[in-house]
C-alpha atoms as a PDB file:
ATOM      1  CA  MET A   1      40.113  -1.068  32.736  1.00  0.00           C
ATOM      2  CA  LYS A   2      41.921  -3.864  30.808  1.00  0.00           C
ATOM      3  CA  LYS A   3      39.020  -6.248  31.774  1.00  0.00           C
ATOM      4  CA  VAL A   4      36.399  -3.978  30.295  1.00  0.00           C
ATOM      5  CA  LEU A   5      38.419  -3.522  27.144  1.00  0.00           C
ATOM      6  CA  ASP A   6      38.934  -7.353  26.877  1.00  0.00           C
ATOM      7  CA  LYS A   7      34.974  -7.751  27.242  1.00  0.00           C
ATOM      8  CA  LEU A   8      34.206  -5.009  24.719  1.00  0.00           C
ATOM      9  CA  ASP A   9      36.693  -6.753  22.260  1.00  0.00           C
ATOM     10  CA  GLN A  10      35.016 -10.023  22.713  1.00  0.00           C
ATOM     11  CA  PHE A  11      31.660  -8.470  21.887  1.00  0.00           C
ATOM     12  CA  LYS A  12      32.740  -6.170  19.333  1.00  0.00           C
ATOM     13  CA  TYR A  13      30.926  -7.813  16.305  1.00  0.00           C
ATOM     14  CA  PRO A  14      27.689  -8.290  18.050  1.00  0.00           C
ATOM     15  CA  LEU A  15      27.847  -4.596  19.221  1.00  0.00           C
ATOM     16  CA  LEU A  16      28.758  -3.558  15.639  1.00  0.00           C
ATOM     17  CA  ILE A  17      25.784  -5.429  14.258  1.00  0.00           C
ATOM     18  CA  LEU A  18      23.425  -4.042  16.881  1.00  0.00           C
ATOM     19  CA  ALA A  19      24.525  -0.481  16.273  1.00  0.00           C
ATOM     20  CA  LEU A  20      23.989  -1.073  12.479  1.00  0.00           C
ATOM     21  CA  GLY A  21      20.551  -2.258  13.063  1.00  0.00           C
ATOM     22  CA  VAL A  22      19.567   0.630  15.121  1.00  0.00           C
ATOM     23  CA  PHE A  23      20.868   2.972  12.553  1.00  0.00           C
ATOM     24  CA  LEU A  24      18.943   1.264   9.590  1.00  0.00           C
ATOM     25  CA  MET A  25      15.748   1.431  11.731  1.00  0.00           C
ATOM     26  CA  LEU A  26      16.098   5.294  12.080  1.00  0.00           C
ATOM     27  CA  ILE A  27      16.302   5.962   8.337  1.00  0.00           C
ATOM     28  CA  PRO A  28      12.792   6.776   7.037  1.00  0.00           C
ATOM     29  CA  SER A  29      11.642   4.157   4.436  1.00  0.00           C
ATOM     30  CA  SER A  30      10.033   6.798   2.170  1.00  0.00           C
ATOM     31  CA  PRO A  31       8.734  10.204   2.538  1.00  0.00           C
ATOM     32  CA  LYS A  32       4.964  10.500   3.014  1.00  0.00           C
ATOM     33  CA  GLY A  33       2.965  11.037  -0.227  1.00  0.00           C
ATOM     34  CA  GLU A  34       5.663   9.835  -2.525  1.00  0.00           C
ATOM     35  CA  ASN A  35       4.648   6.345  -2.851  1.00  0.00           C
ATOM     36  CA  THR A  36       1.455   6.676  -5.104  1.00  0.00           C
ATOM     37  CA  ALA A  37       2.540   3.800  -7.607  1.00  0.00           C
ATOM     38  CA  PRO A  38       0.057   1.234  -6.018  1.00  0.00           C
ATOM     39  CA  THR A  39      -2.801   3.630  -6.254  1.00  0.00           C
ATOM     40  CA  THR A  40      -1.905   4.573  -9.793  1.00  0.00           C
ATOM     41  CA  GLU A  41      -1.402   1.105 -11.019  1.00  0.00           C
ATOM     42  CA  LEU A  42      -4.597  -0.220  -9.598  1.00  0.00           C
ATOM     43  CA  GLY A  43      -6.556   2.761 -11.107  1.00  0.00           C
ATOM     44  CA  GLU A  44      -5.042   1.941 -14.456  1.00  0.00           C
ATOM     45  CA  ALA A  45      -5.866  -1.688 -14.338  1.00  0.00           C
ATOM     46  CA  LEU A  46      -9.392  -1.011 -13.254  1.00  0.00           C
ATOM     47  CA  SER A  47      -9.709   1.383 -16.127  1.00  0.00           C
ATOM     48  CA  LEU A  48      -8.665  -1.100 -18.615  1.00  0.00           C
ATOM     49  CA  THR A  49     -11.282  -3.437 -17.400  1.00  0.00           C
ATOM     50  CA  GLN A  50     -14.422  -3.651 -19.695  1.00  0.00           C
ATOM     51  CA  GLY A  51     -17.506  -1.683 -18.234  1.00  0.00           C
ATOM     52  CA  VAL A  52     -15.428   0.241 -15.473  1.00  0.00           C
ATOM     53  CA  GLY A  53     -14.406   3.235 -17.504  1.00  0.00           C
ATOM     54  CA  GLU A  54     -12.028   5.829 -16.163  1.00  0.00           C
ATOM     55  CA  ALA A  55     -11.219   4.917 -12.537  1.00  0.00           C
ATOM     56  CA  TYR A  56      -9.744   6.751  -9.534  1.00  0.00           C
ATOM     57  CA  VAL A  57      -8.604   4.836  -6.616  1.00  0.00           C
ATOM     58  CA  LEU A  58      -7.633   5.995  -3.058  1.00  0.00           C
ATOM     59  CA  ILE A  59      -5.873   3.670  -0.818  1.00  0.00           C
ATOM     60  CA  SER A  60      -5.447   4.210   2.959  1.00  0.00           C
ATOM     61  CA  GLU A  61      -4.533   2.272   5.972  1.00  0.00           C
ATOM     62  CA  ASN A  62      -8.251   1.723   6.661  1.00  0.00           C
ATOM     63  CA  GLY A  63      -9.560   0.812   3.191  1.00  0.00           C
ATOM     64  CA  VAL A  64      -9.938   1.642  -0.424  1.00  0.00           C
ATOM     65  CA  VAL A  65     -12.267   3.858  -2.395  1.00  0.00           C
ATOM     66  CA  VAL A  66     -12.899   3.427  -6.099  1.00  0.00           C
ATOM     67  CA  VAL A  67     -14.661   6.218  -8.103  1.00  0.00           C
ATOM     68  CA  CYS A  68     -15.591   5.012 -11.669  1.00  0.00           C
ATOM     69  CA  GLU A  69     -18.080   5.370 -14.447  1.00  0.00           C
ATOM     70  CA  GLY A  70     -19.226   1.807 -14.347  1.00  0.00           C
ATOM     71  CA  ALA A  71     -20.058   1.642 -10.742  1.00  0.00           C
ATOM     72  CA  GLN A  72     -23.850   1.508 -11.307  1.00  0.00           C
ATOM     73  CA  ASN A  73     -23.622  -2.036 -12.937  1.00  0.00           C
ATOM     74  CA  ALA A  74     -23.704  -4.964 -10.520  1.00  0.00           C
ATOM     75  CA  GLU A  75     -21.321  -7.151 -12.547  1.00  0.00           C
ATOM     76  CA  VAL A  76     -18.725  -4.343 -12.850  1.00  0.00           C
ATOM     77  CA  ARG A  77     -18.900  -3.719  -9.097  1.00  0.00           C
ATOM     78  CA  MET A  78     -18.393  -7.372  -8.313  1.00  0.00           C
ATOM     79  CA  LYS A  79     -15.289  -7.338 -10.818  1.00  0.00           C
ATOM     80  CA  ILE A  80     -13.922  -4.184  -9.256  1.00  0.00           C
ATOM     81  CA  MET A  81     -14.392  -5.772  -5.691  1.00  0.00           C
ATOM     82  CA  GLU A  82     -12.584  -8.993  -6.485  1.00  0.00           C
ATOM     83  CA  ALA A  83      -9.703  -7.109  -8.131  1.00  0.00           C
ATOM     84  CA  VAL A  84      -9.252  -4.669  -5.316  1.00  0.00           C
ATOM     85  CA  ARG A  85      -9.376  -7.470  -2.675  1.00  0.00           C
ATOM     86  CA  SER A  86      -6.871  -9.533  -4.388  1.00  0.00           C
ATOM     87  CA  TYR A  87      -4.561  -6.513  -5.156  1.00  0.00           C
ATOM     88  CA  THR A  88      -4.679  -4.948  -1.520  1.00  0.00           C
ATOM     89  CA  GLY A  89      -5.826  -7.760   0.742  1.00  0.00           C
ATOM     90  CA  PHE A  90      -8.797  -5.601   2.172  1.00  0.00           C
ATOM     91  CA  GLY A  91     -11.935  -7.215   2.864  1.00  0.00           C
ATOM     92  CA  ALA A  92     -15.062  -6.197   1.125  1.00  0.00           C
ATOM     93  CA  ASP A  93     -16.030  -4.195   4.118  1.00  0.00           C
ATOM     94  CA  LYS A  94     -13.070  -2.008   3.656  1.00  0.00           C
ATOM     95  CA  ILE A  95     -13.690  -1.283  -0.228  1.00  0.00           C
ATOM     96  CA  THR A  96     -16.031   1.439  -1.249  1.00  0.00           C
ATOM     97  CA  ILE A  97     -17.009   1.779  -4.838  1.00  0.00           C
ATOM     98  CA  LEU A  98     -18.609   5.032  -5.983  1.00  0.00           C
ATOM     99  CA  LYS A  99     -20.107   6.092  -9.170  1.00  0.00           C
ATOM    100  CA  ARG A 100     -18.474   8.900 -10.931  1.00  0.00           C
ATOM    101  CA  SER A 101     -20.313  12.188 -11.219  1.00  0.00           C
ATOM    102  CA  GLY A 102     -21.427  13.040 -14.663  1.00  0.00           C
ATOM    103  CA  SER A 103     -21.637   9.316 -15.840  1.00  0.00           C
ATOM    104  CA  ASN A 104     -24.855   7.848 -16.740  1.00  0.00           C
END
């Protein structure tokens, strides 16, 4: 029994760090649905861009959807695409830009 206690005493700090690491991994980082800041920030930034109009943004693990008033204009669509690509890191194939209903 003394040998076992001596061995445990010898490795008490690595075991303590291991236990702390396991504990930290079990704590959830943030509840689902609570982290809407990136979507809101991107939507606000796009809405301030000339020609975009009011923009709504949805970001998921699979891609981004932007719904805005200026989506029918090719130059505006390109600006939106570049902004979303640089902000999210998604490629053009993962970004969808849609015209908002009721806009000309």
